[in-house]
N, C-alpha and C. Protein backbone atom coordinates (compact mmCIF):
# COMPACT_ATOMS: atom_id res chain seq x y z
N UNK A 1 113.61 75.88 101.55
CA UNK A 1 112.60 76.18 102.22
C UNK A 1 112.26 75.72 103.75
N UNK A 2 112.21 76.47 104.54
CA UNK A 2 111.46 76.38 106.09
C UNK A 2 109.58 76.16 105.62
N UNK A 3 109.51 75.40 106.38
CA UNK A 3 107.71 75.51 106.26
C UNK A 3 106.65 75.91 108.22
N UNK A 4 107.39 76.37 108.15
CA UNK A 4 106.81 77.25 109.55
C UNK A 4 107.37 78.45 109.85
N UNK A 5 106.35 79.37 109.85
CA UNK A 5 106.88 80.29 110.11
C UNK A 5 106.27 81.40 110.57
N UNK A 6 106.63 82.36 111.62
CA UNK A 6 106.95 83.19 112.49
C UNK A 6 106.04 84.40 111.83
N UNK A 7 104.89 85.18 112.64
CA UNK A 7 104.59 86.52 111.39
C UNK A 7 105.62 87.27 111.22
N UNK A 8 106.28 87.48 112.53
CA UNK A 8 107.56 88.46 111.94
C UNK A 8 108.79 88.18 110.98
N UNK A 9 108.77 86.97 110.84
CA UNK A 9 109.73 86.19 109.97
C UNK A 9 108.86 86.56 108.68
N UNK A 10 107.79 86.40 108.31
CA UNK A 10 107.06 86.38 106.81
C UNK A 10 106.91 88.32 106.88
N UNK A 11 107.64 88.71 107.66
CA UNK A 11 107.29 90.45 107.50
C UNK A 11 108.49 90.44 106.85
N UNK A 12 109.56 89.65 107.97
CA UNK A 12 110.83 90.37 107.39
C UNK A 12 111.49 89.52 105.60
N UNK A 13 111.01 88.69 105.47
CA UNK A 13 111.43 87.75 104.48
C UNK A 13 110.36 87.98 103.37
N UNK A 14 109.12 88.23 103.39
CA UNK A 14 108.10 88.20 102.43
C UNK A 14 107.28 89.74 101.85
N UNK A 15 107.98 90.51 102.51
CA UNK A 15 106.86 91.66 102.37
C UNK A 15 108.10 92.09 101.34
N UNK A 16 107.06 92.76 100.50
CA UNK A 16 107.02 93.24 98.96
C UNK A 16 107.76 95.00 98.98
N UNK A 17 108.97 95.16 99.14
CA UNK A 17 109.43 96.33 98.49
C UNK A 17 108.98 97.49 97.19
N UNK A 18 109.06 98.61 97.47
CA UNK A 18 108.62 99.60 96.45
C UNK A 18 108.55 99.33 94.95
N UNK A 19 109.71 99.49 94.82
CA UNK A 19 110.31 98.62 93.30
C UNK A 19 109.27 97.50 93.26
N UNK A 20 109.85 96.58 94.34
CA UNK A 20 109.26 95.13 94.01
C UNK A 20 107.51 95.48 93.81
N UNK A 21 106.82 96.03 94.42
CA UNK A 21 105.77 96.31 94.44
C UNK A 21 105.00 96.65 92.82
N UNK A 22 105.99 97.89 92.27
CA UNK A 22 105.88 98.28 90.95
C UNK A 22 105.92 97.14 89.69
N UNK A 23 106.87 96.44 90.54
CA UNK A 23 106.60 95.21 89.25
C UNK A 23 105.42 94.42 88.52
N UNK A 24 104.41 95.01 90.10
CA UNK A 24 103.02 94.04 89.92
C UNK A 24 102.06 94.79 89.23
N UNK A 25 102.39 96.23 88.91
CA UNK A 25 101.24 96.94 88.51
C UNK A 25 100.33 96.65 86.95
N UNK A 26 100.91 95.66 86.29
CA UNK A 26 99.69 95.26 85.39
C UNK A 26 99.74 93.80 85.30
N UNK A 27 99.88 93.64 86.97
CA UNK A 27 98.84 91.86 86.79
C UNK A 27 98.12 92.60 88.21
N UNK A 28 97.67 90.62 87.37
CA UNK A 28 96.03 90.62 88.38
C UNK A 28 95.88 89.42 88.43
N UNK A 29 94.63 88.95 89.81
CA UNK A 29 94.42 87.79 90.46
C UNK A 29 95.95 87.09 90.29
N UNK A 30 95.66 85.51 89.72
CA UNK A 30 96.65 84.04 90.03
C UNK A 30 98.47 84.69 89.12
N UNK A 31 98.08 85.64 88.57
CA UNK A 31 99.16 86.11 87.95
C UNK A 31 100.09 87.40 89.57
N UNK A 32 99.11 87.80 89.31
CA UNK A 32 99.90 88.80 90.61
C UNK A 32 100.16 88.24 91.78
N UNK A 33 99.18 87.36 92.25
CA UNK A 33 99.88 86.48 93.55
C UNK A 33 101.16 85.95 92.68
N UNK A 34 101.04 84.65 91.90
CA UNK A 34 102.35 84.06 91.75
C UNK A 34 103.43 84.46 91.06
N UNK A 35 103.36 85.87 90.87
CA UNK A 35 104.72 86.47 90.26
C UNK A 35 104.96 86.87 91.73
N UNK A 36 104.59 87.85 92.43
CA UNK A 36 105.17 88.60 93.76
C UNK A 36 105.71 86.94 94.43
N UNK A 37 105.53 86.00 94.36
CA UNK A 37 105.56 84.59 95.26
C UNK A 37 106.97 84.31 94.64
N UNK A 38 107.30 84.77 93.40
CA UNK A 38 108.54 83.86 92.62
C UNK A 38 109.40 84.69 93.17
N UNK A 39 109.00 86.33 93.02
CA UNK A 39 109.88 87.10 93.07
C UNK A 39 110.57 87.02 94.45
N UNK A 40 109.73 86.75 95.44
CA UNK A 40 110.38 86.64 96.63
C UNK A 40 111.03 85.54 96.76
N UNK A 41 110.80 84.42 96.77
CA UNK A 41 111.17 83.34 96.45
C UNK A 41 112.37 83.25 95.83
N UNK A 42 112.66 84.09 94.91
CA UNK A 42 113.95 83.96 93.61
C UNK A 42 114.82 84.72 95.02
N UNK A 43 114.71 85.63 95.30
CA UNK A 43 115.17 86.92 95.91
C UNK A 43 115.65 85.76 97.31
N UNK A 44 115.15 84.93 97.99
CA UNK A 44 115.70 84.66 99.46
C UNK A 44 116.24 82.93 99.45
N UNK A 45 116.08 83.01 98.07
CA UNK A 45 117.08 80.88 97.86
C UNK A 45 117.33 80.96 97.07
N UNK A 46 117.64 81.90 95.80
CA UNK A 46 118.43 82.33 94.74
C UNK A 46 118.02 80.97 93.36
N UNK A 47 116.89 80.74 93.74
CA UNK A 47 116.09 80.11 92.37
C UNK A 47 114.84 79.64 92.11
N UNK A 48 114.31 79.31 91.19
CA UNK A 48 112.57 79.77 91.01
C UNK A 48 112.19 78.27 91.65
N UNK A 49 111.16 78.47 92.94
CA UNK A 49 110.01 77.29 93.13
C UNK A 49 109.45 76.33 92.69
N UNK A 50 109.16 75.25 92.66
CA UNK A 50 107.93 75.37 92.48
C UNK A 50 107.08 75.04 93.09
N UNK A 51 105.67 74.66 92.53
CA UNK A 51 104.32 75.19 93.29
C UNK A 51 104.69 74.66 94.74
N UNK A 52 104.86 73.64 94.70
CA UNK A 52 104.86 72.99 96.28
C UNK A 52 105.96 73.28 97.03
N UNK A 53 107.08 73.83 96.40
CA UNK A 53 107.76 74.79 97.66
C UNK A 53 107.43 75.49 98.03
N UNK A 54 106.62 76.33 97.51
CA UNK A 54 105.95 77.65 97.53
C UNK A 54 105.49 77.57 100.13
N UNK A 55 105.20 78.28 100.94
CA UNK A 55 105.10 77.91 101.99
C UNK A 55 103.69 77.98 101.99
N UNK A 56 102.52 77.53 101.97
CA UNK A 56 101.31 78.19 102.34
C UNK A 56 101.34 79.29 103.49
N UNK A 57 101.85 79.83 104.73
CA UNK A 57 102.35 81.01 105.64
C UNK A 57 102.38 81.67 104.58
N UNK A 58 103.29 81.86 103.53
CA UNK A 58 104.12 82.93 102.70
C UNK A 58 102.29 83.41 101.62
N UNK A 59 102.13 81.79 101.47
CA UNK A 59 101.13 82.50 100.55
C UNK A 59 99.67 83.50 100.64
N UNK A 60 99.64 82.40 102.03
CA UNK A 60 98.70 83.59 103.09
C UNK A 60 98.94 84.86 103.06
N UNK A 61 100.11 84.81 103.73
CA UNK A 61 100.69 86.53 103.53
C UNK A 61 100.41 86.94 102.61
N UNK A 62 101.41 86.76 101.55
CA UNK A 62 101.54 87.84 100.59
C UNK A 62 100.47 88.04 99.76
N UNK A 63 99.58 87.29 100.06
CA UNK A 63 97.97 87.24 99.59
C UNK A 63 97.41 88.05 99.95
N UNK A 64 97.91 88.16 101.13
CA UNK A 64 96.84 90.28 101.47
C UNK A 64 97.64 91.09 101.44
N UNK A 65 98.61 91.57 101.14
CA UNK A 65 100.13 92.06 100.73
C UNK A 65 99.75 92.79 99.59
N UNK A 66 99.24 91.89 98.15
CA UNK A 66 99.18 92.23 96.84
C UNK A 66 97.27 92.42 96.74
N UNK A 67 96.08 91.81 97.73
CA UNK A 67 94.87 91.92 97.67
C UNK A 67 94.58 91.28 96.85
N UNK A 68 94.91 89.94 97.00
CA UNK A 68 94.07 88.71 96.29
C UNK A 68 93.61 87.62 96.52
N UNK A 69 92.90 87.00 96.21
CA UNK A 69 92.78 85.84 97.11
C UNK A 69 93.76 84.83 97.38
N UNK A 70 93.60 83.92 98.38
CA UNK A 70 95.17 83.03 98.47
C UNK A 70 95.03 82.16 98.12
N UNK A 71 93.42 81.44 97.51
CA UNK A 71 92.54 80.23 96.88
C UNK A 71 93.39 80.16 95.63
N UNK A 72 93.82 81.75 94.74
CA UNK A 72 93.89 81.56 93.18
C UNK A 72 95.04 81.57 92.93
N UNK A 73 96.72 81.26 93.91
CA UNK A 73 97.77 80.44 93.96
C UNK A 73 96.95 79.23 93.28
N UNK A 74 96.17 78.66 93.64
CA UNK A 74 96.51 77.19 92.97
C UNK A 74 96.03 77.40 91.64
N UNK A 75 95.73 78.81 90.67
CA UNK A 75 95.36 78.58 89.71
C UNK A 75 96.60 79.61 88.63
N UNK A 76 97.47 79.42 89.22
CA UNK A 76 98.62 79.84 88.48
C UNK A 76 99.38 79.23 87.82
N UNK A 77 99.66 79.43 86.33
CA UNK A 77 100.41 78.37 85.40
C UNK A 77 101.90 78.01 85.75
N UNK A 78 102.44 77.07 85.52
CA UNK A 78 103.13 77.11 86.15
C UNK A 78 104.11 76.43 84.94
N UNK A 79 103.63 76.72 83.72
CA UNK A 79 104.21 76.51 82.59
C UNK A 79 103.64 77.13 81.33
N UNK A 80 104.76 77.28 80.43
CA UNK A 80 103.97 77.94 79.70
C UNK A 80 104.40 79.22 78.78
N UNK A 81 104.38 80.03 78.15
CA UNK A 81 105.38 81.77 78.57
C UNK A 81 104.97 82.39 78.98
N UNK A 82 103.63 82.68 79.82
CA UNK A 82 103.68 83.62 80.70
C UNK A 82 105.12 83.72 82.12
N UNK A 83 104.51 82.39 82.55
CA UNK A 83 105.71 82.08 83.70
C UNK A 83 107.20 81.90 83.25
N UNK A 84 107.58 82.11 81.86
CA UNK A 84 108.60 82.04 81.46
C UNK A 84 108.91 83.42 81.64
N UNK A 85 107.81 84.49 81.07
CA UNK A 85 108.26 85.95 80.95
C UNK A 85 108.34 86.25 82.24
N UNK A 86 107.61 85.80 83.61
CA UNK A 86 108.16 86.11 84.74
C UNK A 86 109.19 86.02 85.37
N UNK A 87 110.13 84.46 84.82
CA UNK A 87 110.95 83.87 85.38
C UNK A 87 112.14 85.42 85.00
N UNK A 88 112.02 86.15 83.18
CA UNK A 88 113.32 86.93 82.49
C UNK A 88 112.98 88.53 83.90
N UNK A 89 111.63 88.22 83.89
CA UNK A 89 111.63 89.95 84.30
C UNK A 89 112.29 90.15 86.20
N UNK A 90 112.20 88.80 86.71
CA UNK A 90 112.60 89.00 87.66
C UNK A 90 114.16 88.63 87.53
N UNK A 91 114.87 87.89 86.60
CA UNK A 91 116.03 87.65 86.94
C UNK A 91 116.81 88.86 86.29
N UNK A 92 115.77 89.96 85.73
CA UNK A 92 116.76 90.97 84.96
C UNK A 92 116.36 92.12 86.00
N UNK A 93 115.51 91.79 87.20
CA UNK A 93 114.72 92.86 88.14
C UNK A 93 116.46 92.71 89.55
N UNK A 94 116.39 91.03 89.24
CA UNK A 94 116.98 90.81 90.59
C UNK A 94 119.16 91.90 90.12
N UNK A 95 118.79 91.80 88.84
CA UNK A 95 120.67 91.91 88.21
C UNK A 95 120.58 93.53 88.73
N UNK A 96 119.88 93.86 88.01
CA UNK A 96 119.73 95.84 88.36
C UNK A 96 119.04 95.52 89.68
N UNK A 97 119.14 95.04 91.09
CA UNK A 97 118.66 95.58 92.42
C UNK A 97 119.96 95.48 92.80
């Protein structure tokens, strides 16, 4: 995953469509932001990211879309049942899309 992103590339690659946005309906805060970033990263790379894989520019751009402070990304939990559930949701959504 590249580290430098122009605004037009962020818009093209990291903008949620309507169906993707619907997946965020019951999520808030760090969970909302982390899930959205994992969803788009999976779409772009075909795998789930580690925290350090997600470009800062994408975090900042996505935070604006989902109306969550970008600093909350640091609070997203990268282990445990929540992230496992998120991965399952993303895999299921990707198969149906």
